[in-house]
C-alpha atoms as a PDB file:
ATOM      1  CA  MET A   1      77.111  37.201  79.865  1.00  0.00           C
ATOM      2  CA  THR A   2      75.832  39.021  82.952  1.00  0.00           C
ATOM      3  CA  SER A   3      72.456  38.020  84.327  1.00  0.00           C
ATOM      4  CA  MET A   4      69.635  40.542  84.276  1.00  0.00           C
ATOM      5  CA  PRO A   5      68.605  41.909  87.676  1.00  0.00           C
ATOM      6  CA  ALA A   6      65.396  40.454  89.047  1.00  0.00           C
ATOM      7  CA  THR A   7      62.318  42.566  88.426  1.00  0.00           C
ATOM      8  CA  LEU A   8      59.893  43.457  91.201  1.00  0.00           C
ATOM      9  CA  PRO A   9      57.312  40.841  90.085  1.00  0.00           C
ATOM     10  CA  ASP A  10      60.083  38.214  90.021  1.00  0.00           C
ATOM     11  CA  LYS A  11      61.145  39.147  93.532  1.00  0.00           C
ATOM     12  CA  LEU A  12      57.546  38.987  94.716  1.00  0.00           C
ATOM     13  CA  GLN A  13      57.054  35.517  93.207  1.00  0.00           C
ATOM     14  CA  HIS A  14      60.313  34.347  94.775  1.00  0.00           C
ATOM     15  CA  VAL A  15      59.182  35.500  98.224  1.00  0.00           C
ATOM     16  CA  ARG A  16      55.770  33.888  97.670  1.00  0.00           C
ATOM     17  CA  ASN A  17      57.439  30.581  96.879  1.00  0.00           C
ATOM     18  CA  ASP A  18      59.650  30.813  99.976  1.00  0.00           C
ATOM     19  CA  TYR A  19      56.629  31.578 102.163  1.00  0.00           C
ATOM     20  CA  LEU A  20      54.446  28.787 100.785  1.00  0.00           C
ATOM     21  CA  GLU A  21      57.230  26.185 100.812  1.00  0.00           C
ATOM     22  CA  LEU A  22      57.943  26.996 104.450  1.00  0.00           C
ATOM     23  CA  MET A  23      54.218  26.811 105.216  1.00  0.00           C
ATOM     24  CA  GLN A  24      54.104  23.353 103.664  1.00  0.00           C
ATOM     25  CA  ALA A  25      57.089  22.159 105.689  1.00  0.00           C
ATOM     26  CA  CYS A  26      55.509  23.496 108.884  1.00  0.00           C
ATOM     27  CA  LEU A  27      52.004  22.173 108.245  1.00  0.00           C
ATOM     28  CA  THR A  28      53.291  18.642 107.549  1.00  0.00           C
ATOM     29  CA  GLY A  29      55.779  18.764 110.436  1.00  0.00           C
ATOM     30  CA  SER A  30      58.580  17.746 108.075  1.00  0.00           C
ATOM     31  CA  VAL A  31      60.747  20.720 108.961  1.00  0.00           C
ATOM     32  CA  TYR A  32      60.958  19.679 112.619  1.00  0.00           C
ATOM     33  CA  ARG A  33      60.635  15.917 112.042  1.00  0.00           C
ATOM     34  CA  ASP A  34      57.395  15.612 113.962  1.00  0.00           C
ATOM     35  CA  PRO A  35      57.067  11.960 115.066  1.00  0.00           C
ATOM     36  CA  ALA A  36      54.026   9.872 114.207  1.00  0.00           C
ATOM     37  CA  GLU A  37      51.296   9.240 116.740  1.00  0.00           C
ATOM     38  CA  ALA A  38      48.834   6.625 115.593  1.00  0.00           C
ATOM     39  CA  PRO A  39      47.323   3.295 116.586  1.00  0.00           C
ATOM     40  CA  PHE A  40      49.447   1.662 113.885  1.00  0.00           C
ATOM     41  CA  GLY A  41      53.134   1.754 113.002  1.00  0.00           C
ATOM     42  CA  PRO A  42      56.074   3.060 115.022  1.00  0.00           C
ATOM     43  CA  ASN A  43      55.834   6.455 116.718  1.00  0.00           C
ATOM     44  CA  THR A  44      58.837   7.856 114.907  1.00  0.00           C
ATOM     45  CA  PHE A  45      59.378  10.269 112.020  1.00  0.00           C
ATOM     46  CA  ASP A  46      59.683   8.576 108.640  1.00  0.00           C
ATOM     47  CA  SER A  47      60.332  10.904 105.699  1.00  0.00           C
ATOM     48  CA  HIS A  48      58.763   8.507 103.170  1.00  0.00           C
ATOM     49  CA  HIS A  49      55.605   8.116 105.229  1.00  0.00           C
ATOM     50  CA  ARG A  50      55.342  11.867 105.751  1.00  0.00           C
ATOM     51  CA  GLU A  51      55.854  12.575 102.053  1.00  0.00           C
ATOM     52  CA  HIS A  52      52.974  10.278 101.097  1.00  0.00           C
ATOM     53  CA  GLY A  53      50.741  10.987 104.089  1.00  0.00           C
ATOM     54  CA  LEU A  54      50.952   7.469 105.472  1.00  0.00           C
ATOM     55  CA  ASP A  55      51.148   8.391 109.170  1.00  0.00           C
ATOM     56  CA  TRP A  56      49.358  10.549 111.724  1.00  0.00           C
ATOM     57  CA  PRO A  57      51.662  13.325 112.968  1.00  0.00           C
ATOM     58  CA  SER A  58      51.871  14.139 116.667  1.00  0.00           C
ATOM     59  CA  HIS A  59      51.676  17.924 116.333  1.00  0.00           C
ATOM     60  CA  ALA A  60      51.563  18.869 112.628  1.00  0.00           C
ATOM     61  CA  GLU A  61      48.324  20.369 111.317  1.00  0.00           C
ATOM     62  CA  THR A  62      47.807  17.881 108.467  1.00  0.00           C
ATOM     63  CA  MET A  63      48.231  14.157 107.897  1.00  0.00           C
ATOM     64  CA  ILE A  64      47.836  14.278 104.104  1.00  0.00           C
ATOM     65  CA  GLY A  65      51.591  14.432 103.561  1.00  0.00           C
ATOM     66  CA  GLU A  66      53.836  16.623 101.469  1.00  0.00           C
ATOM     67  CA  LYS A  67      52.653  15.569  98.003  1.00  0.00           C
ATOM     68  CA  ARG A  68      48.938  16.004  98.634  1.00  0.00           C
ATOM     69  CA  LEU A  69      49.517  19.299 100.425  1.00  0.00           C
ATOM     70  CA  ALA A  70      51.626  20.506  97.493  1.00  0.00           C
ATOM     71  CA  ASN A  71      48.691  19.533  95.272  1.00  0.00           C
ATOM     72  CA  VAL A  72      46.413  21.782  97.347  1.00  0.00           C
ATOM     73  CA  ARG A  73      48.798  24.667  96.808  1.00  0.00           C
ATOM     74  CA  THR A  74      49.199  24.000  93.077  1.00  0.00           C
ATOM     75  CA  LEU A  75      45.462  23.798  92.381  1.00  0.00           C
ATOM     76  CA  THR A  76      44.708  26.857  94.498  1.00  0.00           C
ATOM     77  CA  GLU A  77      47.293  28.782  92.497  1.00  0.00           C
ATOM     78  CA  ALA A  78      45.769  27.380  89.300  1.00  0.00           C
ATOM     79  CA  VAL A  79      42.240  28.614  89.987  1.00  0.00           C
ATOM     80  CA  ILE A  80      43.669  32.057  90.783  1.00  0.00           C
ATOM     81  CA  ALA A  81      45.775  32.139  87.621  1.00  0.00           C
ATOM     82  CA  ASP A  82      42.893  30.881  85.461  1.00  0.00           C
ATOM     83  CA  ASN A  83      40.322  33.209  87.057  1.00  0.00           C
ATOM     84  CA  VAL A  84      38.067  30.270  87.933  1.00  0.00           C
ATOM     85  CA  PRO A  85      35.288  31.871  89.972  1.00  0.00           C
ATOM     86  CA  GLY A  86      34.343  30.670  93.428  1.00  0.00           C
ATOM     87  CA  ASP A  87      35.479  29.796  96.905  1.00  0.00           C
ATOM     88  CA  LEU A  88      37.487  26.855  98.242  1.00  0.00           C
ATOM     89  CA  ILE A  89      36.283  24.134 100.591  1.00  0.00           C
ATOM     90  CA  GLU A  90      37.509  21.008 102.327  1.00  0.00           C
ATOM     91  CA  THR A  91      35.056  18.512 103.808  1.00  0.00           C
ATOM     92  CA  GLY A  92      36.824  16.689 106.620  1.00  0.00           C
ATOM     93  CA  VAL A  93      39.665  18.873 107.871  1.00  0.00           C
ATOM     94  CA  TRP A  94      41.237  17.159 110.926  1.00  0.00           C
ATOM     95  CA  ARG A  95      43.529  19.867 112.379  1.00  0.00           C
ATOM     96  CA  GLY A  96      42.894  22.178 109.436  1.00  0.00           C
ATOM     97  CA  GLY A  97      46.233  21.971 107.617  1.00  0.00           C
ATOM     98  CA  ALA A  98      44.944  21.745 104.028  1.00  0.00           C
ATOM     99  CA  CYS A  99      42.530  24.634 104.594  1.00  0.00           C
ATOM    100  CA  ILE A 100      45.322  26.663 106.186  1.00  0.00           C
ATOM    101  CA  MET A 101      47.354  26.084 103.016  1.00  0.00           C
ATOM    102  CA  MET A 102      44.434  27.286 100.874  1.00  0.00           C
ATOM    103  CA  ARG A 103      44.164  30.438 102.948  1.00  0.00           C
ATOM    104  CA  ALA A 104      47.949  30.911 102.853  1.00  0.00           C
ATOM    105  CA  VAL A 105      47.912  30.842  99.039  1.00  0.00           C
ATOM    106  CA  LEU A 106      45.108  33.416  98.911  1.00  0.00           C
ATOM    107  CA  TYR A 107      47.107  35.545 101.333  1.00  0.00           C
ATOM    108  CA  ALA A 108      50.348  35.195  99.379  1.00  0.00           C
ATOM    109  CA  TYR A 109      48.625  36.329  96.177  1.00  0.00           C
ATOM    110  CA  ASN A 110      46.669  39.099  97.921  1.00  0.00           C
ATOM    111  CA  VAL A 111      43.306  37.578  96.967  1.00  0.00           C
ATOM    112  CA  GLY A 112      40.599  39.087  99.129  1.00  0.00           C
ATOM    113  CA  ASP A 113      37.398  38.066  97.345  1.00  0.00           C
ATOM    114  CA  ARG A 114      37.371  34.306  97.999  1.00  0.00           C
ATOM    115  CA  TYR A 115      36.447  32.336 101.113  1.00  0.00           C
ATOM    116  CA  VAL A 116      37.930  29.139 102.488  1.00  0.00           C
ATOM    117  CA  TRP A 117      35.168  26.921 103.883  1.00  0.00           C
ATOM    118  CA  VAL A 118      36.242  24.566 106.680  1.00  0.00           C
ATOM    119  CA  ALA A 119      33.621  21.811 106.969  1.00  0.00           C
ATOM    120  CA  ASP A 120      33.808  19.162 109.669  1.00  0.00           C
ATOM    121  CA  SER A 121      31.856  17.714 112.566  1.00  0.00           C
ATOM    122  CA  PHE A 122      34.843  18.619 114.763  1.00  0.00           C
ATOM    123  CA  GLU A 123      33.819  15.537 116.727  1.00  0.00           C
ATOM    124  CA  GLY A 124      35.336  12.784 114.605  1.00  0.00           C
ATOM    125  CA  LEU A 125      33.618  10.581 112.035  1.00  0.00           C
ATOM    126  CA  PRO A 126      30.039   9.281 112.287  1.00  0.00           C
ATOM    127  CA  ARG A 127      29.004   5.715 112.912  1.00  0.00           C
ATOM    128  CA  ALA A 128      28.196   3.863 109.715  1.00  0.00           C
ATOM    129  CA  ASN A 129      24.594   4.107 108.553  1.00  0.00           C
ATOM    130  CA  GLU A 130      24.674   0.573 107.187  1.00  0.00           C
ATOM    131  CA  PRO A 131      20.989   0.255 106.166  1.00  0.00           C
ATOM    132  CA  GLN A 132      21.247   3.312 103.889  1.00  0.00           C
ATOM    133  CA  TYR A 133      24.934   3.015 102.971  1.00  0.00           C
ATOM    134  CA  PRO A 134      25.948  -0.658 103.073  1.00  0.00           C
ATOM    135  CA  GLU A 135      29.330   0.251 101.563  1.00  0.00           C
ATOM    136  CA  ASP A 136      30.260   1.684 104.976  1.00  0.00           C
ATOM    137  CA  ALA A 137      29.549  -1.592 106.786  1.00  0.00           C
ATOM    138  CA  GLY A 138      32.318  -2.417 109.231  1.00  0.00           C
ATOM    139  CA  SER A 139      33.699   1.125 109.299  1.00  0.00           C
ATOM    140  CA  ASP A 140      35.528   1.837 112.554  1.00  0.00           C
ATOM    141  CA  PHE A 141      36.627   5.409 111.837  1.00  0.00           C
ATOM    142  CA  HIS A 142      34.324   6.653 114.616  1.00  0.00           C
ATOM    143  CA  THR A 143      36.365   4.746 117.210  1.00  0.00           C
ATOM    144  CA  TYR A 144      39.566   6.752 116.685  1.00  0.00           C
ATOM    145  CA  GLU A 145      39.746   9.544 119.232  1.00  0.00           C
ATOM    146  CA  GLN A 146      42.710  11.051 117.361  1.00  0.00           C
ATOM    147  CA  LEU A 147      40.356  12.028 114.513  1.00  0.00           C
ATOM    148  CA  ALA A 148      38.122  14.149 116.745  1.00  0.00           C
ATOM    149  CA  VAL A 149      39.687  17.617 116.690  1.00  0.00           C
ATOM    150  CA  SER A 150      37.637  20.442 118.184  1.00  0.00           C
ATOM    151  CA  LEU A 151      36.617  23.603 116.362  1.00  0.00           C
ATOM    152  CA  ASP A 152      38.527  25.670 118.927  1.00  0.00           C
ATOM    153  CA  GLU A 153      41.742  23.772 118.185  1.00  0.00           C
ATOM    154  CA  VAL A 154      41.359  24.229 114.424  1.00  0.00           C
ATOM    155  CA  ARG A 155      40.616  27.937 114.851  1.00  0.00           C
ATOM    156  CA  GLU A 156      43.715  28.259 117.025  1.00  0.00           C
ATOM    157  CA  ASN A 157      45.796  26.559 114.343  1.00  0.00           C
ATOM    158  CA  PHE A 158      44.660  29.178 111.815  1.00  0.00           C
ATOM    159  CA  ARG A 159      45.419  31.915 114.335  1.00  0.00           C
ATOM    160  CA  ALA A 160      48.901  30.542 115.022  1.00  0.00           C
ATOM    161  CA  TYR A 161      49.779  31.145 111.365  1.00  0.00           C
ATOM    162  CA  GLY A 162      48.170  34.574 111.308  1.00  0.00           C
ATOM    163  CA  LEU A 163      45.463  33.364 108.915  1.00  0.00           C
ATOM    164  CA  LEU A 164      42.271  33.447 110.983  1.00  0.00           C
ATOM    165  CA  ASP A 165      40.133  36.200 109.497  1.00  0.00           C
ATOM    166  CA  GLU A 166      36.811  36.931 107.792  1.00  0.00           C
ATOM    167  CA  GLN A 167      37.841  34.919 104.723  1.00  0.00           C
ATOM    168  CA  VAL A 168      37.720  31.689 106.736  1.00  0.00           C
ATOM    169  CA  LYS A 169      34.253  30.196 107.207  1.00  0.00           C
ATOM    170  CA  PHE A 170      33.560  27.234 109.493  1.00  0.00           C
ATOM    171  CA  LEU A 171      30.763  24.699 108.942  1.00  0.00           C
ATOM    172  CA  LYS A 172      30.316  22.586 112.081  1.00  0.00           C
ATOM    173  CA  GLY A 173      28.231  19.436 111.987  1.00  0.00           C
ATOM    174  CA  TRP A 174      27.578  16.276 109.998  1.00  0.00           C
ATOM    175  CA  PHE A 175      27.736  16.905 106.251  1.00  0.00           C
ATOM    176  CA  LYS A 176      24.186  15.656 105.736  1.00  0.00           C
ATOM    177  CA  ASP A 177      23.002  18.472 108.003  1.00  0.00           C
ATOM    178  CA  THR A 178      25.313  21.368 107.095  1.00  0.00           C
ATOM    179  CA  LEU A 179      26.062  21.098 103.371  1.00  0.00           C
ATOM    180  CA  PRO A 180      22.487  21.230 101.996  1.00  0.00           C
ATOM    181  CA  THR A 181      21.866  24.632 103.620  1.00  0.00           C
ATOM    182  CA  ALA A 182      25.365  26.143 103.547  1.00  0.00           C
ATOM    183  CA  THR A 183      25.410  29.642 102.053  1.00  0.00           C
ATOM    184  CA  ILE A 184      28.046  28.726  99.498  1.00  0.00           C
ATOM    185  CA  GLY A 185      27.657  30.250  96.060  1.00  0.00           C
ATOM    186  CA  ARG A 186      30.195  29.012  93.555  1.00  0.00           C
ATOM    187  CA  LEU A 187      33.262  26.905  94.251  1.00  0.00           C
ATOM    188  CA  ALA A 188      36.591  26.838  92.443  1.00  0.00           C
ATOM    189  CA  LEU A 189      38.180  24.059  94.498  1.00  0.00           C
ATOM    190  CA  LEU A 190      36.464  21.164  96.230  1.00  0.00           C
ATOM    191  CA  ARG A 191      38.554  18.860  98.425  1.00  0.00           C
ATOM    192  CA  LEU A 192      36.895  15.778  99.914  1.00  0.00           C
ATOM    193  CA  ASP A 193      38.444  14.006 102.891  1.00  0.00           C
ATOM    194  CA  GLY A 194      35.472  12.378 104.583  1.00  0.00           C
ATOM    195  CA  ASP A 195      36.786   8.819 104.123  1.00  0.00           C
ATOM    196  CA  MET A 196      33.359   7.145 104.181  1.00  0.00           C
ATOM    197  CA  TYR A 197      30.829   6.501 101.400  1.00  0.00           C
ATOM    198  CA  GLU A 198      28.164   8.591 103.114  1.00  0.00           C
ATOM    199  CA  SER A 199      30.468  11.550 103.757  1.00  0.00           C
ATOM    200  CA  THR A 200      31.837  11.483 100.207  1.00  0.00           C
ATOM    201  CA  MET A 201      28.385  11.198  98.641  1.00  0.00           C
ATOM    202  CA  ASP A 202      26.989  14.008 100.807  1.00  0.00           C
ATOM    203  CA  ALA A 203      29.806  16.302  99.699  1.00  0.00           C
ATOM    204  CA  LEU A 204      29.503  15.457  95.993  1.00  0.00           C
ATOM    205  CA  THR A 205      25.710  15.702  95.980  1.00  0.00           C
ATOM    206  CA  ASN A 206      25.587  19.090  97.648  1.00  0.00           C
ATOM    207  CA  LEU A 207      28.768  20.745  96.379  1.00  0.00           C
ATOM    208  CA  TYR A 208      29.720  19.390  92.951  1.00  0.00           C
ATOM    209  CA  PRO A 209      26.852  21.253  91.226  1.00  0.00           C
ATOM    210  CA  LYS A 210      28.295  24.479  92.689  1.00  0.00           C
ATOM    211  CA  LEU A 211      31.750  23.822  91.259  1.00  0.00           C
ATOM    212  CA  SER A 212      32.614  26.204  88.438  1.00  0.00           C
ATOM    213  CA  ASN A 213      33.711  24.923  85.068  1.00  0.00           C
ATOM    214  CA  HIS A 214      37.473  24.385  85.155  1.00  0.00           C
ATOM    215  CA  GLY A 215      37.352  24.096  88.931  1.00  0.00           C
ATOM    216  CA  TYR A 216      39.036  21.151  90.613  1.00  0.00           C
ATOM    217  CA  VAL A 217      37.872  18.190  92.697  1.00  0.00           C
ATOM    218  CA  ILE A 218      40.345  16.446  95.007  1.00  0.00           C
ATOM    219  CA  ILE A 219      39.492  13.069  96.550  1.00  0.00           C
ATOM    220  CA  ASP A 220      41.895  12.365  99.392  1.00  0.00           C
ATOM    221  CA  ASP A 221      41.272   8.681 100.156  1.00  0.00           C
ATOM    222  CA  TYR A 222      40.400   7.419  96.674  1.00  0.00           C
ATOM    223  CA  HIS A 223      42.891   4.545  96.642  1.00  0.00           C
ATOM    224  CA  VAL A 224      42.900   3.564 100.332  1.00  0.00           C
ATOM    225  CA  VAL A 225      39.220   3.549 101.334  1.00  0.00           C
ATOM    226  CA  PRO A 226      37.124   1.421  98.951  1.00  0.00           C
ATOM    227  CA  ALA A 227      33.873   3.004 100.176  1.00  0.00           C
ATOM    228  CA  CYS A 228      35.168   6.447  99.225  1.00  0.00           C
ATOM    229  CA  LYS A 229      36.053   5.326  95.698  1.00  0.00           C
ATOM    230  CA  ALA A 230      32.680   3.597  95.371  1.00  0.00           C
ATOM    231  CA  ALA A 231      30.873   6.837  96.219  1.00  0.00           C
ATOM    232  CA  VAL A 232      32.834   8.734  93.561  1.00  0.00           C
ATOM    233  CA  THR A 233      32.095   6.053  90.971  1.00  0.00           C
ATOM    234  CA  ASP A 234      28.382   5.908  91.825  1.00  0.00           C
ATOM    235  CA  TYR A 235      27.966   9.690  91.740  1.00  0.00           C
ATOM    236  CA  CYS A 236      29.789  10.070  88.428  1.00  0.00           C
ATOM    237  CA  ASP A 237      27.865   7.178  86.839  1.00  0.00           C
ATOM    238  CA  LYS A 238      24.541   8.590  88.010  1.00  0.00           C
ATOM    239  CA  HIS A 239      25.251  12.031  86.552  1.00  0.00           C
ATOM    240  CA  GLY A 240      27.062  10.944  83.406  1.00  0.00           C
ATOM    241  CA  ILE A 241      30.374  12.416  84.528  1.00  0.00           C
ATOM    242  CA  LYS A 242      33.495  10.933  82.995  1.00  0.00           C
ATOM    243  CA  PRO A 243      36.334  12.611  84.855  1.00  0.00           C
ATOM    244  CA  GLU A 244      39.924  12.470  83.709  1.00  0.00           C
ATOM    245  CA  ILE A 245      41.286  11.269  87.033  1.00  0.00           C
ATOM    246  CA  ILE A 246      44.856  12.338  87.779  1.00  0.00           C
ATOM    247  CA  GLU A 247      47.025  10.607  90.369  1.00  0.00           C
ATOM    248  CA  ILE A 248      48.709  12.570  93.156  1.00  0.00           C
ATOM    249  CA  ASP A 249      50.681  10.150  95.314  1.00  0.00           C
ATOM    250  CA  GLY A 250      49.120   6.718  95.068  1.00  0.00           C
ATOM    251  CA  VAL A 251      46.510   7.650  97.666  1.00  0.00           C
ATOM    252  CA  GLY A 252      44.692  10.777  96.502  1.00  0.00           C
ATOM    253  CA  VAL A 253      43.474  11.852  93.066  1.00  0.00           C
ATOM    254  CA  TYR A 254      41.944  14.909  91.424  1.00  0.00           C
ATOM    255  CA  TRP A 255      40.186  15.947  88.268  1.00  0.00           C
ATOM    256  CA  ARG A 256      39.140  19.151  86.574  1.00  0.00           C
ATOM    257  CA  LYS A 257      35.519  19.930  85.812  1.00  0.00           C
ATOM    258  CA  SER A 258      35.376  20.958  82.187  1.00  0.00           C
ATOM    259  CA  ASP A 259      32.729  22.078  79.717  1.00  0.00           C
ATOM    260  CA  GLY A 260      35.137  21.428  76.858  1.00  0.00           C
ATOM    261  CA  VAL A 261      35.979  25.090  76.359  1.00  0.00           C
ATOM    262  CA  GLU A 262      39.505  26.030  77.309  1.00  0.00           C
ATOM    263  CA  ARG A 263      40.094  29.077  79.431  1.00  0.00           C
ATOM    264  CA  GLU A 264      43.035  31.342  78.819  1.00  0.00           C
ATOM    265  CA  ARG A 265      45.444  31.423  81.721  1.00  0.00           C
ATOM    266  CA  THR A 266      46.332  34.909  82.848  1.00  0.00           C
ATOM    267  CA  PHE A 267      49.159  36.271  84.908  1.00  0.00           C
ATOM    268  CA  ILE A 268      48.181  36.650  88.528  1.00  0.00           C
ATOM    269  CA  GLN A 269      47.678  40.234  89.661  1.00  0.00           C
ATOM    270  CA  THR A 270      49.430  41.840  86.715  1.00  0.00           C
ATOM    271  CA  ASN A 271      47.691  45.117  87.428  1.00  0.00           C
ATOM    272  CA  GLN A 272      49.253  45.571  90.856  1.00  0.00           C
ATOM    273  CA  ALA A 273      51.110  48.800  91.363  1.00  0.00           C
ATOM    274  CA  ALA A 274      54.813  48.617  92.159  1.00  0.00           C
ATOM    275  CA  ALA A 275      54.209  50.091  95.608  1.00  0.00           C
ATOM    276  CA  SER A 276      51.657  47.354  96.339  1.00  0.00           C
ATOM    277  CA  GLN A 277      54.052  44.628  95.196  1.00  0.00           C
ATOM    278  CA  ASP A 278      56.849  46.089  97.280  1.00  0.00           C
ATOM    279  CA  SER A 279      54.540  46.144 100.300  1.00  0.00           C
ATOM    280  CA  GLN A 280      53.652  42.495  99.708  1.00  0.00           C
ATOM    281  CA  ILE A 281      57.314  41.527  99.532  1.00  0.00           C
ATOM    282  CA  THR A 282      57.938  43.248 102.856  1.00  0.00           C
ATOM    283  CA  GLN A 283      54.918  41.631 104.512  1.00  0.00           C
ATOM    284  CA  LEU A 284      55.689  38.120 103.221  1.00  0.00           C
ATOM    285  CA  SER A 285      59.329  38.488 104.272  1.00  0.00           C
ATOM    286  CA  GLU A 286      58.156  39.329 107.781  1.00  0.00           C
ATOM    287  CA  ASP A 287      55.862  36.295 107.736  1.00  0.00           C
ATOM    288  CA  ILE A 288      58.751  34.074 106.654  1.00  0.00           C
ATOM    289  CA  ALA A 289      60.815  35.372 109.563  1.00  0.00           C
ATOM    290  CA  ARG A 290      57.911  34.678 111.933  1.00  0.00           C
ATOM    291  CA  LEU A 291      57.514  31.150 110.557  1.00  0.00           C
ATOM    292  CA  ASN A 292      61.231  30.549 111.023  1.00  0.00           C
ATOM    293  CA  ARG A 293      60.881  31.553 114.659  1.00  0.00           C
ATOM    294  CA  THR A 294      57.957  29.142 114.967  1.00  0.00           C
ATOM    295  CA  VAL A 295      60.095  26.382 113.455  1.00  0.00           C
ATOM    296  CA  MET A 296      62.867  27.031 115.958  1.00  0.00           C
ATOM    297  CA  THR A 297      60.357  26.948 118.799  1.00  0.00           C
ATOM    298  CA  ARG A 298      58.965  23.631 117.591  1.00  0.00           C
ATOM    299  CA  LEU A 299      62.423  22.205 117.086  1.00  0.00           C
ATOM    300  CA  ASN A 300      63.276  23.104 120.671  1.00  0.00           C
ATOM    301  CA  GLN A 301      59.973  21.629 121.802  1.00  0.00           C
ATOM    302  CA  SER A 302      60.764  18.432 119.913  1.00  0.00           C
ATOM    303  CA  LEU A 303      64.155  18.247 121.619  1.00  0.00           C
ATOM    304  CA  VAL A 304      62.542  18.752 125.023  1.00  0.00           C
ATOM    305  CA  GLU A 305      59.983  16.014 124.283  1.00  0.00           C
ATOM    306  CA  ARG A 306      62.719  13.738 122.990  1.00  0.00           C
ATOM    307  CA  ASP A 307      64.768  14.325 126.126  1.00  0.00           C
ATOM    308  CA  ALA A 308      61.674  13.669 128.240  1.00  0.00           C
ATOM    309  CA  GLN A 309      61.245  10.333 126.462  1.00  0.00           C
ATOM    310  CA  ILE A 310      64.937   9.479 126.729  1.00  0.00           C
ATOM    311  CA  ALA A 311      65.179  10.292 130.455  1.00  0.00           C
ATOM    312  CA  PRO A 312      63.072   7.330 131.674  1.00  0.00           C
ATOM    313  CA  LEU A 313      64.912   5.064 129.239  1.00  0.00           C
ATOM    314  CA  ARG A 314      68.219   6.183 130.732  1.00  0.00           C
ATOM    315  CA  ARG A 315      66.855   5.582 134.201  1.00  0.00           C
ATOM    316  CA  ALA A 316      65.657   2.142 133.149  1.00  0.00           C
ATOM    317  CA  LEU A 317      69.094   1.372 131.715  1.00  0.00           C
ATOM    318  CA  ALA A 318      70.754   2.601 134.891  1.00  0.00           C
ATOM    319  CA  ASP A 319      68.435   0.430 136.976  1.00  0.00           C
ATOM    320  CA  ARG A 320      69.175  -2.536 134.724  1.00  0.00           C
ATOM    321  CA  ASP A 321      72.905  -1.947 135.038  1.00  0.00           C
ATOM    322  CA  ALA A 322      72.549  -1.722 138.820  1.00  0.00           C
ATOM    323  CA  GLU A 323      70.601  -4.975 138.867  1.00  0.00           C
ATOM    324  CA  LEU A 324      73.213  -6.660 136.667  1.00  0.00           C
ATOM    325  CA  ALA A 325      75.984  -5.375 138.928  1.00  0.00           C
ATOM    326  CA  ALA A 326      74.153  -6.707 141.978  1.00  0.00           C
ATOM    327  CA  LEU A 327      73.602 -10.040 140.285  1.00  0.00           C
ATOM    328  CA  TYR A 328      77.267 -10.156 139.301  1.00  0.00           C
ATOM    329  CA  LEU A 329      78.365  -9.448 142.859  1.00  0.00           C
ATOM    330  CA  SER A 330      75.945 -12.012 144.200  1.00  0.00           C
ATOM    331  CA  TYR A 331      77.105 -14.560 141.666  1.00  0.00           C
ATOM    332  CA  SER A 332      80.761 -13.771 142.345  1.00  0.00           C
ATOM    333  CA  TRP A 333      80.238 -14.115 146.078  1.00  0.00           C
ATOM    334  CA  LYS A 334      78.433 -17.413 145.666  1.00  0.00           C
ATOM    335  CA  MET A 335      81.117 -18.709 143.312  1.00  0.00           C
ATOM    336  CA  GLU A 336      83.873 -17.618 145.688  1.00  0.00           C
ATOM    337  CA  LYS A 337      82.077 -19.314 148.587  1.00  0.00           C
ATOM    338  CA  ARG A 338      81.670 -22.469 146.534  1.00  0.00           C
ATOM    339  CA  ILE A 339      85.324 -22.448 145.463  1.00  0.00           C
ATOM    340  CA  ARG A 340      86.411 -22.059 149.091  1.00  0.00           C
ATOM    341  CA  ALA A 341      84.199 -24.974 150.082  1.00  0.00           C
ATOM    342  CA  ILE A 342      85.665 -27.130 147.317  1.00  0.00           C
ATOM    343  CA  ALA A 343      89.199 -26.144 148.307  1.00  0.00           C
ATOM    344  CA  LYS A 344      88.472 -26.993 151.906  1.00  0.00           C
ATOM    345  CA  SER A 345      87.167 -30.377 150.863  1.00  0.00           C
ATOM    346  CA  VAL A 346      90.224 -31.001 148.721  1.00  0.00           C
ATOM    347  CA  ARG A 347      92.535 -30.097 151.586  1.00  0.00           C
ATOM    348  CA  ALA A 348      90.612 -32.356 153.887  1.00  0.00           C
ATOM    349  CA  ILE A 349      90.921 -35.245 151.453  1.00  0.00           C
ATOM    350  CA  LEU A 350      94.637 -34.645 150.927  1.00  0.00           C
ATOM    351  CA  GLY A 351      95.172 -34.350 154.645  1.00  0.00           C
ATOM    352  CA  ARG A 352      93.846 -37.797 155.166  1.00  0.00           C
END
């Protein structure tokens, strides 16, 4: 039996998948084996750690790992397919990788009527307000300089992927100051990555009421930061919310806000004209080619950095070998001198 030729919508979906899978590999640094750079663990690339977001990449735009980033893509696609109204937001963005993925999905599906809100202090995490939030007592997140990524750097990361435009909105400042007055209408996807009790509670208090029915909530650090989980529990208990929490990777979780009425899933953009779909295929194919060039550049950069790290090690080994050779010569000379002295003594004794 001969297979049927792929239709134009099939081709478009295939190119979308290629584009978004390559975006994921780039944003996590997996495609070029970006080594870790953190105050804990070895500074090497570990595929298991990168899959589960258990390290801090040197150059990649996200530290949430492959599984949690794939979850961002899947849920963004879901709210598009299900016509869940509203924008998308992440609170606590680091280098912006998860938000870049959200924007990439909107781009891939030609969605122009949703915003991606990028909320962060862009100065790292706050000191714990222990009197008001005792659950944050002992928090040292504010001491990690690696977590303080500037707004300019995050904007540049969006620009590097060709995704910095009017659909990306930045909220700079502490959540307690920015979220209550943010001009956000409805939300379809709410991703929380503030780590602390205070940050998590600020985001839930100000944003969860704006989340549309059948929208999604993602909690990044649910299983690794007890204060974060405590904030989720306290907020849900206070408001009588009983979420059906779904595991992602042993670290993060998500749930769907539901009023009990099922929505009918629709095909995405079924009313697109063939010419529009063909244009999208062409544009996404060009973007894939551009991303491949970026990958090659980063691979070459990684090789250069690796060689730069290896060079002093080689010099150190050469110096060690030279020292060992010198020691060997010195030892050999001393041994030869000692042997000659012993031989001379023996001859003197025999000569007597």
